[in-house]
């Protein structure tokens, strides 16, 4: 068997599925099964066309999706679900386009839309069956090196540390500033490991690492956002590859973050590039991203 990469279903898929279900239910009752199936089919294909037509432009997506709807206006519930699903796909497609190019992104959108439509048709109103079918269809063959998007919140913590360190740099010099960056990054790593998925524990642990037992409010806000971003990525890794793989991933992210802070200084683009480079991870036979 080819190693295969399990990609999490995009956010919003379940929203659109539920909205289509709610819309189709009365059609099923009055016009029968075939009429309902036809509506599901046209919703799914209209969604696919609108995603391709609009790319990352939300207003274009709304316009294109309305244009595909009977009478030129989509049902509000379906529009809300479709917009959420469009955004979820967009969040995944960006990194794919960056690392593998436009055609890979188009192929991924089609794969998601095919899987979504098949899952709607096969599962009907059974939500668990829908989720299982969609997840199964999104197994994609692993590439030699999978670019993992930097966790949400990384940039928030980087900026907060920068703002905090700037006056220290001016009064106490470069080495003092570097020492503060180092202790922030290591305190963050310890707090993430200590707290796991518990936000209150994270706040407590991160404060405990700070001088005087209380972190700067800006740094705490950035750290909490980054902790949440890492958590969103670590859950699926732990599920598919176990606790040690999750711990290793947290350390990889923290190492990459610290190195990027030190090497980039206040240059945000350099920080982003350094962090992205450090997060190239070899594909595992089934890595959940």
C-alpha atoms as a PDB file:
ATOM      1  CA  UNK A   1       0.000   0.000   0.000  1.00  0.00           C
ATOM      2  CA  UNK A   2       1.120   3.529  -0.731  1.00  0.00           C
ATOM      3  CA  UNK A   3       1.725   5.595   2.359  1.00  0.00           C
ATOM      4  CA  UNK A   4      -1.240   7.899   2.580  1.00  0.00           C
ATOM      5  CA  UNK A   5      -1.655  11.251   4.178  1.00  0.00           C
ATOM      6  CA  UNK A   6      -4.868  11.819   6.091  1.00  0.00           C
ATOM      7  CA  UNK A   7      -5.916  15.420   5.675  1.00  0.00           C
ATOM      8  CA  UNK A   8      -8.510  16.717   8.118  1.00  0.00           C
ATOM      9  CA  UNK A   9     -11.805  17.649   6.453  1.00  0.00           C
ATOM     10  CA  UNK A  10     -11.884  21.421   5.901  1.00  0.00           C
ATOM     11  CA  UNK A  11     -13.737  23.486   8.484  1.00  0.00           C
ATOM     12  CA  UNK A  12     -17.285  24.281   7.344  1.00  0.00           C
ATOM     13  CA  UNK A  13     -17.940  20.970   5.555  1.00  0.00           C
ATOM     14  CA  UNK A  14     -20.351  19.903   8.273  1.00  0.00           C
ATOM     15  CA  UNK A  15     -22.103  23.307   8.191  1.00  0.00           C
ATOM     16  CA  UNK A  16     -22.858  23.014   4.486  1.00  0.00           C
ATOM     17  CA  UNK A  17     -23.899  19.363   4.832  1.00  0.00           C
ATOM     18  CA  UNK A  18     -26.392  20.234   7.608  1.00  0.00           C
ATOM     19  CA  UNK A  19     -27.753  23.239   5.704  1.00  0.00           C
ATOM     20  CA  UNK A  20     -28.319  21.169   2.569  1.00  0.00           C
ATOM     21  CA  UNK A  21     -30.011  18.504   4.710  1.00  0.00           C
ATOM     22  CA  UNK A  22     -32.394  21.006   6.286  1.00  0.00           C
ATOM     23  CA  UNK A  23     -33.240  22.481   2.868  1.00  0.00           C
ATOM     24  CA  UNK A  24     -33.737  19.118   1.183  1.00  0.00           C
ATOM     25  CA  UNK A  25     -35.875  17.486   3.886  1.00  0.00           C
ATOM     26  CA  UNK A  26     -39.222  19.127   2.839  1.00  0.00           C
ATOM     27  CA  UNK A  27     -38.396  18.523  -0.860  1.00  0.00           C
ATOM     28  CA  UNK A  28     -37.897  14.855  -0.065  1.00  0.00           C
ATOM     29  CA  UNK A  29     -41.310  14.777   1.651  1.00  0.00           C
ATOM     30  CA  UNK A  30     -43.236  16.575  -1.098  1.00  0.00           C
ATOM     31  CA  UNK A  31     -41.410  15.648  -4.313  1.00  0.00           C
ATOM     32  CA  UNK A  32     -39.672  12.394  -3.376  1.00  0.00           C
ATOM     33  CA  UNK A  33     -36.156  10.964  -3.218  1.00  0.00           C
ATOM     34  CA  UNK A  34     -35.035  11.695  -6.792  1.00  0.00           C
ATOM     35  CA  UNK A  35     -35.965  15.371  -6.557  1.00  0.00           C
ATOM     36  CA  UNK A  36     -34.012  15.680  -3.297  1.00  0.00           C
ATOM     37  CA  UNK A  37     -30.963  13.953  -4.804  1.00  0.00           C
ATOM     38  CA  UNK A  38     -31.067  16.347  -7.766  1.00  0.00           C
ATOM     39  CA  UNK A  39     -31.029  19.354  -5.413  1.00  0.00           C
ATOM     40  CA  UNK A  40     -28.050  17.944  -3.468  1.00  0.00           C
ATOM     41  CA  UNK A  41     -26.237  17.343  -6.766  1.00  0.00           C
ATOM     42  CA  UNK A  42     -26.836  20.887  -8.012  1.00  0.00           C
ATOM     43  CA  UNK A  43     -25.803  22.414  -4.645  1.00  0.00           C
ATOM     44  CA  UNK A  44     -22.536  20.466  -4.635  1.00  0.00           C
ATOM     45  CA  UNK A  45     -21.683  21.256  -8.252  1.00  0.00           C
ATOM     46  CA  UNK A  46     -22.664  24.916  -7.811  1.00  0.00           C
ATOM     47  CA  UNK A  47     -20.377  25.070  -4.804  1.00  0.00           C
ATOM     48  CA  UNK A  48     -17.468  23.558  -6.740  1.00  0.00           C
ATOM     49  CA  UNK A  49     -17.903  26.027  -9.627  1.00  0.00           C
ATOM     50  CA  UNK A  50     -18.118  28.983  -7.249  1.00  0.00           C
ATOM     51  CA  UNK A  51     -14.958  27.950  -5.356  1.00  0.00           C
ATOM     52  CA  UNK A  52     -12.971  27.675  -8.589  1.00  0.00           C
ATOM     53  CA  UNK A  53     -14.408  30.929  -9.964  1.00  0.00           C
ATOM     54  CA  UNK A  54     -13.814  32.988  -6.818  1.00  0.00           C
ATOM     55  CA  UNK A  55     -10.469  31.752  -5.521  1.00  0.00           C
ATOM     56  CA  UNK A  56      -9.706  33.581  -2.263  1.00  0.00           C
ATOM     57  CA  UNK A  57     -12.201  36.445  -2.829  1.00  0.00           C
ATOM     58  CA  UNK A  58     -15.214  36.097  -0.501  1.00  0.00           C
ATOM     59  CA  UNK A  59     -17.451  38.592  -2.320  1.00  0.00           C
ATOM     60  CA  UNK A  60     -16.765  36.810  -5.606  1.00  0.00           C
ATOM     61  CA  UNK A  61     -17.615  33.502  -3.980  1.00  0.00           C
ATOM     62  CA  UNK A  62     -20.986  34.785  -2.705  1.00  0.00           C
ATOM     63  CA  UNK A  63     -21.761  36.242  -6.145  1.00  0.00           C
ATOM     64  CA  UNK A  64     -20.743  33.069  -7.981  1.00  0.00           C
ATOM     65  CA  UNK A  65     -22.625  30.763  -5.607  1.00  0.00           C
ATOM     66  CA  UNK A  66     -25.791  32.863  -5.861  1.00  0.00           C
ATOM     67  CA  UNK A  67     -25.471  32.760  -9.660  1.00  0.00           C
ATOM     68  CA  UNK A  68     -25.507  28.948  -9.532  1.00  0.00           C
ATOM     69  CA  UNK A  69     -28.684  28.867  -7.400  1.00  0.00           C
ATOM     70  CA  UNK A  70     -32.208  28.583  -8.870  1.00  0.00           C
ATOM     71  CA  UNK A  71     -33.580  32.137  -9.175  1.00  0.00           C
ATOM     72  CA  UNK A  72     -30.101  33.605  -8.665  1.00  0.00           C
ATOM     73  CA  UNK A  73     -30.185  33.568  -4.872  1.00  0.00           C
ATOM     74  CA  UNK A  74     -29.069  30.747  -2.618  1.00  0.00           C
ATOM     75  CA  UNK A  75     -31.014  29.744   0.489  1.00  0.00           C
ATOM     76  CA  UNK A  76     -29.532  31.793   3.394  1.00  0.00           C
ATOM     77  CA  UNK A  77     -28.711  28.693   5.463  1.00  0.00           C
ATOM     78  CA  UNK A  78     -26.973  27.051   2.536  1.00  0.00           C
ATOM     79  CA  UNK A  79     -25.088  30.266   1.755  1.00  0.00           C
ATOM     80  CA  UNK A  80     -23.834  30.458   5.355  1.00  0.00           C
ATOM     81  CA  UNK A  81     -22.685  26.824   5.247  1.00  0.00           C
ATOM     82  CA  UNK A  82     -21.135  27.241   1.811  1.00  0.00           C
ATOM     83  CA  UNK A  83     -19.201  30.344   2.882  1.00  0.00           C
ATOM     84  CA  UNK A  84     -17.865  28.541   5.972  1.00  0.00           C
ATOM     85  CA  UNK A  85     -16.807  25.548   3.834  1.00  0.00           C
ATOM     86  CA  UNK A  86     -15.233  27.846   1.202  1.00  0.00           C
ATOM     87  CA  UNK A  87     -13.167  29.497   3.982  1.00  0.00           C
ATOM     88  CA  UNK A  88     -12.141  26.101   5.387  1.00  0.00           C
ATOM     89  CA  UNK A  89     -10.961  24.909   1.973  1.00  0.00           C
ATOM     90  CA  UNK A  90      -9.137  28.205   1.442  1.00  0.00           C
ATOM     91  CA  UNK A  91      -7.188  27.767   4.684  1.00  0.00           C
ATOM     92  CA  UNK A  92      -5.904  24.401   3.429  1.00  0.00           C
ATOM     93  CA  UNK A  93      -5.351  25.341  -0.194  1.00  0.00           C
ATOM     94  CA  UNK A  94      -2.994  28.261   0.508  1.00  0.00           C
ATOM     95  CA  UNK A  95      -0.113  26.100   1.790  1.00  0.00           C
ATOM     96  CA  UNK A  96      -0.739  23.474  -0.931  1.00  0.00           C
ATOM     97  CA  UNK A  97      -0.513  26.130  -3.636  1.00  0.00           C
ATOM     98  CA  UNK A  98       2.644  27.578  -2.066  1.00  0.00           C
ATOM     99  CA  UNK A  99       4.476  24.263  -1.853  1.00  0.00           C
ATOM    100  CA  UNK A 100       3.035  22.343  -4.832  1.00  0.00           C
ATOM    101  CA  UNK A 101       1.658  24.987  -7.238  1.00  0.00           C
ATOM    102  CA  UNK A 102      -1.668  25.998  -8.755  1.00  0.00           C
ATOM    103  CA  UNK A 103      -2.582  22.658 -10.335  1.00  0.00           C
ATOM    104  CA  UNK A 104      -2.134  20.793  -7.035  1.00  0.00           C
ATOM    105  CA  UNK A 105      -4.464  23.317  -5.380  1.00  0.00           C
ATOM    106  CA  UNK A 106      -7.111  22.894  -8.106  1.00  0.00           C
ATOM    107  CA  UNK A 107      -6.834  19.099  -7.796  1.00  0.00           C
ATOM    108  CA  UNK A 108      -7.248  19.332  -4.034  1.00  0.00           C
ATOM    109  CA  UNK A 109     -10.396  21.471  -4.351  1.00  0.00           C
ATOM    110  CA  UNK A 110     -11.857  18.928  -6.772  1.00  0.00           C
ATOM    111  CA  UNK A 111     -10.926  16.058  -4.455  1.00  0.00           C
ATOM    112  CA  UNK A 112     -12.668  17.775  -1.529  1.00  0.00           C
ATOM    113  CA  UNK A 113     -15.751  18.613  -3.618  1.00  0.00           C
ATOM    114  CA  UNK A 114     -15.956  15.049  -4.988  1.00  0.00           C
ATOM    115  CA  UNK A 115     -15.624  13.631  -1.485  1.00  0.00           C
ATOM    116  CA  UNK A 116     -18.200  16.042  -0.084  1.00  0.00           C
ATOM    117  CA  UNK A 117     -20.767  15.258  -2.774  1.00  0.00           C
ATOM    118  CA  UNK A 118     -20.253  11.493  -2.497  1.00  0.00           C
ATOM    119  CA  UNK A 119     -20.566  11.708   1.295  1.00  0.00           C
ATOM    120  CA  UNK A 120     -23.811  13.734   1.058  1.00  0.00           C
ATOM    121  CA  UNK A 121     -25.321  11.209  -1.358  1.00  0.00           C
ATOM    122  CA  UNK A 122     -24.193   8.082   0.479  1.00  0.00           C
ATOM    123  CA  UNK A 123     -24.861   9.212   4.065  1.00  0.00           C
ATOM    124  CA  UNK A 124     -28.180  11.022   3.660  1.00  0.00           C
ATOM    125  CA  UNK A 125     -29.131  12.414   7.087  1.00  0.00           C
ATOM    126  CA  UNK A 126     -26.637  10.208   9.007  1.00  0.00           C
ATOM    127  CA  UNK A 127     -24.030  12.729  10.197  1.00  0.00           C
ATOM    128  CA  UNK A 128     -21.519  10.163  11.464  1.00  0.00           C
ATOM    129  CA  UNK A 129     -21.653   8.314   8.150  1.00  0.00           C
ATOM    130  CA  UNK A 130     -21.127  11.641   6.349  1.00  0.00           C
ATOM    131  CA  UNK A 131     -18.031  12.443   8.438  1.00  0.00           C
ATOM    132  CA  UNK A 132     -16.582   8.939   7.967  1.00  0.00           C
ATOM    133  CA  UNK A 133     -17.171   8.995   4.214  1.00  0.00           C
ATOM    134  CA  UNK A 134     -15.615  12.454   3.795  1.00  0.00           C
ATOM    135  CA  UNK A 135     -12.585  11.538   5.934  1.00  0.00           C
ATOM    136  CA  UNK A 136     -12.041   8.370   3.915  1.00  0.00           C
ATOM    137  CA  UNK A 137     -12.161  10.233   0.614  1.00  0.00           C
ATOM    138  CA  UNK A 138      -9.511  12.707   1.802  1.00  0.00           C
ATOM    139  CA  UNK A 139      -6.728  10.173   2.193  1.00  0.00           C
ATOM    140  CA  UNK A 140      -4.183  11.564  -0.219  1.00  0.00           C
ATOM    141  CA  UNK A 141      -0.896   9.938  -1.210  1.00  0.00           C
ATOM    142  CA  UNK A 142       1.958  11.301   0.869  1.00  0.00           C
ATOM    143  CA  UNK A 143       4.495  13.592  -0.772  1.00  0.00           C
ATOM    144  CA  UNK A 144       8.168  13.282   0.251  1.00  0.00           C
ATOM    145  CA  UNK A 145       7.951  16.445   2.314  1.00  0.00           C
ATOM    146  CA  UNK A 146       4.788  17.940   3.630  1.00  0.00           C
ATOM    147  CA  UNK A 147       4.765  21.635   4.339  1.00  0.00           C
ATOM    148  CA  UNK A 148       2.821  22.171   7.544  1.00  0.00           C
ATOM    149  CA  UNK A 149       1.376  25.637   7.936  1.00  0.00           C
ATOM    150  CA  UNK A 150       2.787  27.499  10.939  1.00  0.00           C
ATOM    151  CA  UNK A 151       0.301  27.244  13.802  1.00  0.00           C
ATOM    152  CA  UNK A 152      -2.079  30.165  14.227  1.00  0.00           C
ATOM    153  CA  UNK A 153      -0.859  32.597  16.884  1.00  0.00           C
ATOM    154  CA  UNK A 154       2.868  32.237  16.144  1.00  0.00           C
ATOM    155  CA  UNK A 155       2.979  35.712  14.638  1.00  0.00           C
ATOM    156  CA  UNK A 156       1.028  37.168  17.609  1.00  0.00           C
ATOM    157  CA  UNK A 157       3.569  35.891  20.117  1.00  0.00           C
ATOM    158  CA  UNK A 158       6.498  36.976  17.916  1.00  0.00           C
ATOM    159  CA  UNK A 159       5.124  40.535  17.695  1.00  0.00           C
ATOM    160  CA  UNK A 160       4.358  40.687  21.430  1.00  0.00           C
ATOM    161  CA  UNK A 161       7.881  39.551  22.331  1.00  0.00           C
ATOM    162  CA  UNK A 162       9.278  42.113  19.881  1.00  0.00           C
ATOM    163  CA  UNK A 163       7.293  44.956  21.440  1.00  0.00           C
ATOM    164  CA  UNK A 164       8.358  43.904  24.934  1.00  0.00           C
ATOM    165  CA  UNK A 165      12.029  43.465  24.046  1.00  0.00           C
ATOM    166  CA  UNK A 166      12.480  46.716  22.083  1.00  0.00           C
ATOM    167  CA  UNK A 167      12.915  49.004  25.135  1.00  0.00           C
ATOM    168  CA  UNK A 168      15.165  46.393  26.809  1.00  0.00           C
ATOM    169  CA  UNK A 169      17.363  46.401  23.704  1.00  0.00           C
ATOM    170  CA  UNK A 170      17.596  50.200  23.893  1.00  0.00           C
ATOM    171  CA  UNK A 171      18.417  50.415  27.628  1.00  0.00           C
ATOM    172  CA  UNK A 172      20.294  47.172  28.361  1.00  0.00           C
ATOM    173  CA  UNK A 173      21.656  46.192  24.951  1.00  0.00           C
ATOM    174  CA  UNK A 174      21.474  43.270  22.549  1.00  0.00           C
ATOM    175  CA  UNK A 175      22.549  40.449  24.876  1.00  0.00           C
ATOM    176  CA  UNK A 176      19.946  41.356  27.481  1.00  0.00           C
ATOM    177  CA  UNK A 177      17.245  41.380  24.802  1.00  0.00           C
ATOM    178  CA  UNK A 178      18.372  37.996  23.450  1.00  0.00           C
ATOM    179  CA  UNK A 179      18.225  36.538  26.971  1.00  0.00           C
ATOM    180  CA  UNK A 180      14.614  37.713  27.369  1.00  0.00           C
ATOM    181  CA  UNK A 181      13.617  36.198  24.015  1.00  0.00           C
ATOM    182  CA  UNK A 182      15.289  32.932  25.031  1.00  0.00           C
ATOM    183  CA  UNK A 183      13.508  32.787  28.382  1.00  0.00           C
ATOM    184  CA  UNK A 184      10.123  33.641  26.787  1.00  0.00           C
ATOM    185  CA  UNK A 185      10.496  30.863  24.232  1.00  0.00           C
ATOM    186  CA  UNK A 186      11.634  28.270  26.753  1.00  0.00           C
ATOM    187  CA  UNK A 187       8.946  29.319  29.246  1.00  0.00           C
ATOM    188  CA  UNK A 188       6.368  28.918  26.491  1.00  0.00           C
ATOM    189  CA  UNK A 189       7.643  25.426  25.602  1.00  0.00           C
ATOM    190  CA  UNK A 190       7.510  24.290  29.251  1.00  0.00           C
ATOM    191  CA  UNK A 191       4.010  25.710  29.728  1.00  0.00           C
ATOM    192  CA  UNK A 192       2.690  23.995  26.565  1.00  0.00           C
ATOM    193  CA  UNK A 193       4.047  20.623  27.700  1.00  0.00           C
ATOM    194  CA  UNK A 194       2.823  21.130  31.277  1.00  0.00           C
ATOM    195  CA  UNK A 195      -0.699  22.227  30.367  1.00  0.00           C
ATOM    196  CA  UNK A 196      -1.611  20.060  27.392  1.00  0.00           C
ATOM    197  CA  UNK A 197      -5.078  21.095  26.169  1.00  0.00           C
ATOM    198  CA  UNK A 198      -6.102  22.933  29.391  1.00  0.00           C
ATOM    199  CA  UNK A 199      -6.142  26.711  28.839  1.00  0.00           C
ATOM    200  CA  UNK A 200      -6.267  27.677  32.535  1.00  0.00           C
ATOM    201  CA  UNK A 201      -3.329  25.388  33.236  1.00  0.00           C
ATOM    202  CA  UNK A 202      -1.413  26.973  30.361  1.00  0.00           C
ATOM    203  CA  UNK A 203      -1.983  30.498  31.706  1.00  0.00           C
ATOM    204  CA  UNK A 204      -0.916  29.382  35.189  1.00  0.00           C
ATOM    205  CA  UNK A 205       2.178  27.559  33.921  1.00  0.00           C
ATOM    206  CA  UNK A 206       3.243  30.414  31.621  1.00  0.00           C
ATOM    207  CA  UNK A 207       2.849  32.979  34.414  1.00  0.00           C
ATOM    208  CA  UNK A 208       4.932  30.729  36.680  1.00  0.00           C
ATOM    209  CA  UNK A 209       7.785  30.865  34.130  1.00  0.00           C
ATOM    210  CA  UNK A 210       7.707  34.682  33.974  1.00  0.00           C
ATOM    211  CA  UNK A 211       9.917  36.930  36.138  1.00  0.00           C
ATOM    212  CA  UNK A 212       7.853  37.935  39.178  1.00  0.00           C
ATOM    213  CA  UNK A 213       5.291  35.222  38.444  1.00  0.00           C
ATOM    214  CA  UNK A 214       3.228  37.249  35.983  1.00  0.00           C
ATOM    215  CA  UNK A 215       3.753  37.475  32.242  1.00  0.00           C
ATOM    216  CA  UNK A 216       3.435  40.751  30.348  1.00  0.00           C
ATOM    217  CA  UNK A 217      -0.252  40.986  29.192  1.00  0.00           C
ATOM    218  CA  UNK A 218       0.677  41.367  25.514  1.00  0.00           C
ATOM    219  CA  UNK A 219       2.991  38.363  25.642  1.00  0.00           C
ATOM    220  CA  UNK A 220       0.340  36.340  27.501  1.00  0.00           C
ATOM    221  CA  UNK A 221      -2.235  37.139  24.788  1.00  0.00           C
ATOM    222  CA  UNK A 222       0.182  36.111  22.034  1.00  0.00           C
ATOM    223  CA  UNK A 223       1.281  33.002  23.919  1.00  0.00           C
ATOM    224  CA  UNK A 224      -2.318  31.893  24.479  1.00  0.00           C
ATOM    225  CA  UNK A 225      -3.117  32.339  20.778  1.00  0.00           C
ATOM    226  CA  UNK A 226      -0.016  30.346  19.802  1.00  0.00           C
ATOM    227  CA  UNK A 227      -0.810  27.626  22.382  1.00  0.00           C
ATOM    228  CA  UNK A 228      -4.300  27.295  20.833  1.00  0.00           C
ATOM    229  CA  UNK A 229      -2.861  27.154  17.314  1.00  0.00           C
ATOM    230  CA  UNK A 230      -0.442  24.407  18.278  1.00  0.00           C
ATOM    231  CA  UNK A 231      -3.247  22.546  20.054  1.00  0.00           C
ATOM    232  CA  UNK A 232      -5.375  22.528  16.903  1.00  0.00           C
ATOM    233  CA  UNK A 233      -2.547  20.792  15.028  1.00  0.00           C
ATOM    234  CA  UNK A 234      -1.396  18.479  17.812  1.00  0.00           C
ATOM    235  CA  UNK A 235      -4.764  16.792  18.489  1.00  0.00           C
ATOM    236  CA  UNK A 236      -4.907  14.967  15.149  1.00  0.00           C
ATOM    237  CA  UNK A 237      -1.171  14.103  15.313  1.00  0.00           C
ATOM    238  CA  UNK A 238      -1.677  12.526  18.739  1.00  0.00           C
ATOM    239  CA  UNK A 239      -4.720  10.608  17.457  1.00  0.00           C
ATOM    240  CA  UNK A 240      -2.971   9.126  14.450  1.00  0.00           C
ATOM    241  CA  UNK A 241       0.649   8.813  15.675  1.00  0.00           C
ATOM    242  CA  UNK A 242       0.479   8.810  19.459  1.00  0.00           C
ATOM    243  CA  UNK A 243       1.710  10.914  22.375  1.00  0.00           C
ATOM    244  CA  UNK A 244       5.419  10.876  21.507  1.00  0.00           C
ATOM    245  CA  UNK A 245       4.782  12.165  17.967  1.00  0.00           C
ATOM    246  CA  UNK A 246       2.739  15.023  19.469  1.00  0.00           C
ATOM    247  CA  UNK A 247       5.485  15.900  21.969  1.00  0.00           C
ATOM    248  CA  UNK A 248       8.064  15.814  19.164  1.00  0.00           C
ATOM    249  CA  UNK A 249       5.901  18.119  17.047  1.00  0.00           C
ATOM    250  CA  UNK A 250       5.520  20.638  19.895  1.00  0.00           C
ATOM    251  CA  UNK A 251       9.306  20.654  20.349  1.00  0.00           C
ATOM    252  CA  UNK A 252       9.852  21.068  16.609  1.00  0.00           C
ATOM    253  CA  UNK A 253       7.479  24.056  16.536  1.00  0.00           C
ATOM    254  CA  UNK A 254       9.050  25.613  19.659  1.00  0.00           C
ATOM    255  CA  UNK A 255      12.590  25.093  18.293  1.00  0.00           C
ATOM    256  CA  UNK A 256      11.578  26.629  14.965  1.00  0.00           C
ATOM    257  CA  UNK A 257       9.837  29.547  16.676  1.00  0.00           C
ATOM    258  CA  UNK A 258      12.809  30.348  18.907  1.00  0.00           C
ATOM    259  CA  UNK A 259      15.325  30.068  16.079  1.00  0.00           C
ATOM    260  CA  UNK A 260      13.157  32.311  13.889  1.00  0.00           C
ATOM    261  CA  UNK A 261      12.851  34.950  16.658  1.00  0.00           C
ATOM    262  CA  UNK A 262      16.624  34.995  17.180  1.00  0.00           C
ATOM    263  CA  UNK A 263      17.593  35.000  13.510  1.00  0.00           C
ATOM    264  CA  UNK A 264      14.954  37.433  12.202  1.00  0.00           C
ATOM    265  CA  UNK A 265      14.931  40.047  14.937  1.00  0.00           C
ATOM    266  CA  UNK A 266      12.276  42.632  14.039  1.00  0.00           C
ATOM    267  CA  UNK A 267      12.038  41.529  10.369  1.00  0.00           C
ATOM    268  CA  UNK A 268       8.587  39.905  10.207  1.00  0.00           C
ATOM    269  CA  UNK A 269       8.977  38.451   6.712  1.00  0.00           C
ATOM    270  CA  UNK A 270      12.276  36.841   7.699  1.00  0.00           C
ATOM    271  CA  UNK A 271      10.582  35.429  10.817  1.00  0.00           C
ATOM    272  CA  UNK A 272       7.764  33.873   8.758  1.00  0.00           C
ATOM    273  CA  UNK A 273      10.183  32.414   6.205  1.00  0.00           C
ATOM    274  CA  UNK A 274      12.439  30.944   8.892  1.00  0.00           C
ATOM    275  CA  UNK A 275       9.517  29.391  10.790  1.00  0.00           C
ATOM    276  CA  UNK A 276       7.989  27.934   7.604  1.00  0.00           C
ATOM    277  CA  UNK A 277      11.326  26.427   6.621  1.00  0.00           C
ATOM    278  CA  UNK A 278      11.788  24.793  10.019  1.00  0.00           C
ATOM    279  CA  UNK A 279       8.330  23.174   9.782  1.00  0.00           C
ATOM    280  CA  UNK A 280       9.024  21.093   6.698  1.00  0.00           C
ATOM    281  CA  UNK A 281       8.346  17.658   8.131  1.00  0.00           C
ATOM    282  CA  UNK A 282       8.922  14.317   6.430  1.00  0.00           C
ATOM    283  CA  UNK A 283       5.607  12.692   5.552  1.00  0.00           C
ATOM    284  CA  UNK A 284       4.591   9.810   7.812  1.00  0.00           C
ATOM    285  CA  UNK A 285       2.590   6.903   6.411  1.00  0.00           C
ATOM    286  CA  UNK A 286      -0.520   8.532   7.839  1.00  0.00           C
ATOM    287  CA  UNK A 287       0.005  12.013   9.186  1.00  0.00           C
ATOM    288  CA  UNK A 288      -3.085  13.962  10.094  1.00  0.00           C
ATOM    289  CA  UNK A 289      -2.545  17.630   9.363  1.00  0.00           C
END
